[in-house]
Amino acid sequence: MATKVGRIPYMICEPFYFDTERRGLELVDTMPQRAVDDIEQGILDAALVPVVDIFGKEDVLQPVGGFCIASTDRAGSVFLYSKVPVEELSGARVGLIEESRTSVKLLQVLLKLKYQVEVGEFVGLRDEHDAFMVMGDRGLRQRRGARGFPHRYDLGEEWYQWTKLPFVYARWMARNDLDPTALAVLEDTLYVGLEDGVDTLYHIAEPRENLLMLPRDVVDYVQGIRYYLGMSEQKSMRVFREYIEQLDA
């Protein structure tokens, strides 16, 4: 039976899937907020999982090598747009997009612990709000700005300025009971696909009209992304987890 691998439909994730079908892996569409549940329910064997969904799941999940999505400093697609400076958001209504719990939790950490801001209420994007967060491909489409919200904050950049660390948004995880041979094939597939896929984005970049991006925009964006954990990324995950515990205390 083919290993079922979750496919996240964001440009940033494309390099991971470059070689999967050729290697006999079955791609199953999912979204970041569903990935961990899909693995636990047996719909998927492995997927790119938001880091906040990994914490506390060590008994059911195992890492697939060190493959991840991280930003070196600025994220380029994860933004907070606000009508007022972030320091003035106490009591405000902030609209959230629920596609990635990691980005939502990052925003909450930055607001409360970095800026000492107590938001009045987090709401959906369709509700009236004083500021809002976007991420993923939607964030790329709105990277230039949002009418009526003159203050823009790149959350990856905000984290880096605060901690001097990159930020890890998601990590490849698999079921703990996945066959070791299947896990090894997946690791090798991701490694080879990543080399070819990132190279393709760099050197054969095409306009992405749906994202309002020219080839140079694609290259500039990808240059700020890390796809494999190093020591700084591992430290960043530990620091982020500690901040979440402070937030929830």
Protein backbone atom coordinates (compact mmCIF):
# COMPACT_ATOMS: atom_id res chain seq x y z
CA MET A 1 0.00 0.00 0.00
CA ALA A 2 1.33 3.43 -0.95
CA THR A 3 2.34 5.82 1.80
CA LYS A 4 -0.30 8.58 2.03
CA VAL A 5 1.35 11.99 2.19
CA GLY A 6 -0.49 15.22 2.92
CA ARG A 7 -0.21 17.94 0.29
CA ILE A 8 -0.59 21.54 1.49
CA PRO A 9 -1.64 23.78 -1.45
CA TYR A 10 0.75 26.68 -0.79
CA MET A 11 3.55 27.76 -3.10
CA ILE A 12 5.99 27.61 -0.18
CA CYS A 13 5.35 23.85 0.11
CA GLU A 14 5.70 22.96 -3.58
CA PRO A 15 9.37 21.86 -3.45
CA PHE A 16 8.50 19.03 -1.07
CA TYR A 17 6.18 17.38 -3.59
CA PHE A 18 8.50 17.60 -6.59
CA ASP A 19 9.44 13.90 -6.56
CA THR A 20 6.66 12.24 -4.56
CA GLU A 21 4.46 10.71 -7.25
CA ARG A 22 7.43 9.35 -9.19
CA ARG A 23 8.50 7.53 -6.02
CA GLY A 24 5.09 5.92 -5.63
CA LEU A 25 3.79 8.04 -2.75
CA GLU A 26 0.10 8.93 -2.72
CA LEU A 27 -0.56 12.65 -2.36
CA VAL A 28 -3.71 13.55 -0.43
CA ASP A 29 -4.82 17.17 -0.25
CA THR A 30 -5.12 18.64 3.23
CA MET A 31 -4.73 21.96 5.03
CA PRO A 32 -2.39 22.91 7.89
CA GLN A 33 -5.18 23.02 10.46
CA ARG A 34 -6.29 19.48 9.51
CA ALA A 35 -2.91 17.79 9.08
CA VAL A 36 -2.37 16.41 12.58
CA ASP A 37 -5.96 15.13 12.83
CA ASP A 38 -5.64 13.47 9.42
CA ILE A 39 -2.53 11.62 10.63
CA GLU A 40 -4.13 10.56 13.91
CA GLN A 41 -7.27 9.34 12.10
CA GLY A 42 -5.26 7.31 9.59
CA ILE A 43 -6.21 9.45 6.59
CA LEU A 44 -2.52 10.34 6.18
CA ASP A 45 0.72 8.61 7.07
CA ALA A 46 2.75 11.82 7.07
CA ALA A 47 2.38 15.54 6.46
CA LEU A 48 3.79 18.97 7.12
CA VAL A 49 2.30 19.76 10.55
CA PRO A 50 2.11 23.18 12.28
CA VAL A 51 4.61 23.14 15.15
CA VAL A 52 1.99 23.98 17.79
CA ASP A 53 0.18 20.76 16.84
CA ILE A 54 3.38 18.77 17.41
CA PHE A 55 3.88 19.86 21.00
CA GLY A 56 2.61 17.13 23.31
CA LYS A 57 2.10 14.63 20.46
CA GLU A 58 5.42 12.81 20.85
CA ASP A 59 3.56 9.57 21.65
CA VAL A 60 1.82 9.44 18.27
CA LEU A 61 4.11 11.40 15.92
CA GLN A 62 7.71 11.07 14.82
CA PRO A 63 9.76 13.59 12.81
CA VAL A 64 10.58 12.93 9.18
CA GLY A 65 14.23 13.94 9.24
CA GLY A 66 14.61 17.64 9.88
CA PHE A 67 12.34 18.82 7.08
CA CYS A 68 10.40 21.95 7.96
CA ILE A 69 9.17 25.37 6.87
CA ALA A 70 11.01 28.21 8.60
CA SER A 71 11.80 31.85 7.89
CA THR A 72 15.29 33.22 8.42
CA ASP A 73 14.01 36.64 9.47
CA ARG A 74 11.04 38.04 7.58
CA ALA A 75 8.34 35.56 6.65
CA GLY A 76 7.12 37.34 3.53
CA SER A 77 3.62 35.84 3.78
CA VAL A 78 2.56 36.08 7.43
CA PHE A 79 1.35 39.57 8.28
CA LEU A 80 -0.60 41.57 10.81
CA TYR A 81 -2.37 44.59 9.30
CA SER A 82 -3.64 47.21 11.71
CA LYS A 83 -5.47 50.53 11.69
CA VAL A 84 -3.23 51.73 14.53
CA PRO A 85 0.34 50.95 15.68
CA VAL A 86 0.57 47.54 17.32
CA GLU A 87 1.33 49.13 20.69
CA GLU A 88 -2.15 50.67 20.62
CA LEU A 89 -4.11 47.44 20.09
CA SER A 90 -5.07 46.89 23.73
CA GLY A 91 -8.82 46.27 23.84
CA ALA A 92 -9.00 45.96 20.04
CA ARG A 93 -10.70 43.30 17.93
CA VAL A 94 -8.20 41.29 15.90
CA GLY A 95 -9.32 39.13 12.98
CA LEU A 96 -7.67 35.73 12.63
CA ILE A 97 -7.34 33.26 9.81
CA GLU A 98 -7.47 29.70 11.12
CA GLU A 99 -5.38 27.99 8.43
CA SER A 100 -2.36 27.64 10.71
CA ARG A 101 -2.56 27.49 14.47
CA THR A 102 1.18 28.19 14.63
CA SER A 103 0.85 31.62 13.02
CA VAL A 104 -2.13 32.43 15.24
CA LYS A 105 -0.21 31.42 18.36
CA LEU A 106 2.84 33.39 17.17
CA LEU A 107 0.69 36.50 16.86
CA GLN A 108 -0.73 35.99 20.34
CA VAL A 109 2.77 35.53 21.80
CA LEU A 110 4.08 38.66 20.10
CA LEU A 111 1.13 40.79 21.16
CA LYS A 112 1.07 39.73 24.80
CA LEU A 113 4.71 39.00 25.61
CA LYS A 114 6.65 41.27 23.25
CA TYR A 115 4.32 44.27 23.11
CA GLN A 116 2.44 43.76 26.39
CA VAL A 117 -0.83 44.24 24.53
CA GLU A 118 -4.07 42.73 25.86
CA VAL A 119 -6.35 42.31 22.86
CA GLY A 120 -10.02 42.77 23.56
CA GLU A 121 -11.21 39.94 21.35
CA PHE A 122 -9.99 37.64 18.57
CA VAL A 123 -12.63 37.29 15.86
CA GLY A 124 -13.11 35.87 12.39
CA LEU A 125 -12.09 37.89 9.36
CA ARG A 126 -15.73 38.45 8.43
CA ASP A 127 -16.38 40.14 11.75
CA GLU A 128 -15.63 43.80 12.36
CA HIS A 129 -11.98 44.19 13.38
CA ASP A 130 -9.30 46.78 14.07
CA ALA A 131 -6.46 44.58 12.85
CA PHE A 132 -6.20 41.24 11.08
CA MET A 133 -3.73 38.49 10.29
CA VAL A 134 -3.14 36.77 6.95
CA MET A 135 -0.76 33.98 5.97
CA GLY A 136 0.06 31.48 3.24
CA ASP A 137 -0.93 32.27 -0.34
CA ARG A 138 -3.47 34.81 0.87
CA GLY A 139 -0.64 36.57 2.70
CA LEU A 140 1.40 36.63 -0.51
CA ARG A 141 -1.47 38.22 -2.41
CA GLN A 142 -1.78 40.91 0.26
CA ARG A 143 1.94 41.41 0.88
CA ARG A 144 1.91 44.95 -0.54
CA GLY A 145 -0.66 46.24 1.91
CA ALA A 146 -4.33 46.37 2.87
CA ARG A 147 -6.54 49.39 2.29
CA GLY A 148 -7.61 51.04 5.51
CA PHE A 149 -4.91 49.23 7.52
CA PRO A 150 -1.75 51.33 7.12
CA HIS A 151 0.38 49.50 9.68
CA ARG A 152 1.94 46.26 8.45
CA TYR A 153 3.93 43.80 10.56
CA ASP A 154 5.74 40.75 9.20
CA LEU A 155 5.42 38.24 12.04
CA GLY A 156 8.60 36.37 11.13
CA GLU A 157 10.52 39.63 11.21
CA GLU A 158 8.91 40.61 14.51
CA TRP A 159 10.02 37.29 16.02
CA TYR A 160 13.56 37.63 14.67
CA GLN A 161 13.98 41.18 15.97
CA TRP A 162 12.81 39.99 19.39
CA THR A 163 14.73 36.70 19.70
CA LYS A 164 17.44 36.87 17.00
CA LEU A 165 16.23 33.43 15.92
CA PRO A 166 14.54 32.09 12.78
CA PHE A 167 10.96 30.95 13.18
CA VAL A 168 9.69 27.44 12.45
CA TYR A 169 6.09 27.30 11.22
CA ALA A 170 5.72 23.61 10.44
CA ARG A 171 7.65 20.36 10.48
CA TRP A 172 7.26 17.11 8.59
CA MET A 173 5.85 14.44 10.90
CA ALA A 174 4.72 10.85 10.43
CA ARG A 175 2.77 8.26 12.39
CA ASN A 176 4.92 6.65 15.07
CA ASP A 177 4.03 3.21 13.72
CA LEU A 178 4.89 3.99 10.09
CA ASP A 179 7.00 1.21 8.61
CA PRO A 180 10.71 2.17 8.88
CA THR A 181 11.28 1.38 5.20
CA ALA A 182 8.39 3.64 4.19
CA LEU A 183 9.75 6.38 6.45
CA ALA A 184 13.21 6.07 4.87
CA VAL A 185 11.71 6.27 1.37
CA LEU A 186 9.76 9.38 2.36
CA GLU A 187 12.88 11.04 3.80
CA ASP A 188 14.86 10.32 0.65
CA THR A 189 12.00 11.51 -1.55
CA LEU A 190 11.71 14.80 0.34
CA TYR A 191 15.47 15.32 0.21
CA VAL A 192 15.77 14.74 -3.54
CA GLY A 193 12.56 16.62 -4.31
CA LEU A 194 13.63 19.54 -2.17
CA GLU A 195 16.91 19.94 -4.04
CA ASP A 196 15.19 19.87 -7.43
CA GLY A 197 12.09 21.76 -6.36
CA VAL A 198 13.86 24.70 -4.73
CA ASP A 199 16.25 24.89 -7.68
CA THR A 200 13.25 25.07 -10.00
CA LEU A 201 11.70 27.90 -8.01
CA TYR A 202 15.03 29.76 -8.08
CA HIS A 203 16.03 29.33 -11.70
CA ILE A 204 12.86 28.58 -13.63
CA ALA A 205 10.55 30.83 -11.68
CA GLU A 206 7.45 31.85 -13.62
CA PRO A 207 4.97 34.60 -12.90
CA ARG A 208 2.33 33.57 -10.38
CA GLU A 209 -0.64 35.62 -11.48
CA ASN A 210 -2.89 34.16 -8.78
CA LEU A 211 -0.41 35.47 -6.17
CA LEU A 212 0.36 38.74 -7.99
CA MET A 213 4.03 37.73 -8.15
CA LEU A 214 6.66 38.20 -10.84
CA PRO A 215 9.58 35.73 -11.12
CA ARG A 216 11.84 38.02 -9.09
CA ASP A 217 9.18 38.16 -6.35
CA VAL A 218 9.13 34.35 -6.18
CA VAL A 219 12.92 34.17 -5.92
CA ASP A 220 13.04 36.89 -3.26
CA TYR A 221 10.40 35.07 -1.23
CA VAL A 222 12.00 31.63 -1.42
CA GLN A 223 15.42 33.01 -0.48
CA GLY A 224 14.04 33.81 2.97
CA ILE A 225 12.79 30.26 3.59
CA ARG A 226 14.60 27.37 5.24
CA TYR A 227 13.43 23.85 4.56
CA TYR A 228 15.62 21.94 7.02
CA LEU A 229 16.14 22.34 10.75
CA GLY A 230 19.48 23.54 12.03
CA MET A 231 20.52 24.29 15.59
CA SER A 232 18.99 27.78 15.47
CA GLU A 233 15.65 26.41 14.29
CA GLN A 234 15.63 23.77 17.03
CA LYS A 235 16.38 26.41 19.65
CA SER A 236 13.64 28.60 18.22
CA MET A 237 11.09 25.79 18.62
CA ARG A 238 12.08 25.35 22.27
CA VAL A 239 11.84 29.09 22.94
CA PHE A 240 8.46 29.30 21.20
CA ARG A 241 7.11 26.41 23.26
CA GLU A 242 8.27 28.13 26.46
CA TYR A 243 6.52 31.35 25.42
CA ILE A 244 3.31 29.45 24.69
CA GLU A 245 3.45 27.96 28.18
CA GLN A 246 3.83 31.48 29.60
CA LEU A 247 0.90 32.63 27.50
CA ASP A 248 -1.32 29.81 28.73
CA ALA A 249 -0.22 30.03 32.39
